[in-house]
């Protein structure tokens, strides 16, 4: 009898791996990302396919990724947050005002993150304790916070010395070329990995999924639903605060009109990445791929010379398609 005999189980391993890969929520976004990038690289090989353009796209995606990771937790829990763009704008203003006021850089950064955590916690309390729909709470917060940002900035941009904060997403000098990408990109990657571990491997993460799947059942199982919801929105607020710091490092100013519509891009990234607007489903890795896909499409359209209004129409169509695919996935 030959020593090279293979068992049926061994023969089924590649097929089983392929089936598991197909069921992964991030498999579709990964394939779409590769195909879309290849499409634009084929149409504009002299510009779009250059390594420095890839690094630029990663820097552009860092803000969206960090905010979208927080949104993933919110959506998995069965909620929604429409105030993301306004919180990011408010955060850039807080950092700029703090720096202009002579506060140390770490204090300015922590102030922006603390404000974002406070906003997230208040949203969570209104949703969990007052039983107001997340859509209504965060829609109201979107308007209130945008107005607060404009009032704090006196309806003008705040120009200030970034004190080195701009290096988070700036091109690397030759002495630091070993990093491959700017520190802000590594920060976004680290946050994504940590959030994925929390969602998949901790009791808190399991409670978040349970609440999104069936809140009454989660209560019956002993999950502290209200406290978990507040924690989810506060944690998402902290991540949006980090995103606002990254946005300030990119702009190097406080802009109360910045990030209009960012919440739609973030939600689309989550849904494209396998998250369900009905709650209970989501993948941090899929969200990262969804955010990258949105950036590649936007950057590719720019390299092809499409006008801004055409790009806005394409972005809107992608959002509608993402929601339609989410509904189809749930029915299937």
Foldseek 3Di string as FASTA:
>chain_A
DDPPDDDPVVVCVVVVVVVVLVPALQNVLVVLLVVLLVVLCVVPVPPCVDLVNVLLLLLVLLLLLLLLLLQQLQLQLLAAAPQLLLLLLLLQLQLLVCVVVVHDNVVSLVVSLVVLLVLLLVLLCCCLVVVDHRVVSNVVNNVVSLVVSCVSVVNDKRADANVPLLQQQDDDDPVVCVVVHHNSSVVSVVSLVVSQCCLPPHPLNVLSLVNLVPVVVSVVVPRPSSVSSSVSSSVSSSSSSVSSSSVCSNVVIRHSVPRVVSSLLSVLLFLQLRRASSHNITGSVSSSSSSSSLSSLLVSCVSVVHDPVVNVVVSVVSSVVSNVVNVVVVVD
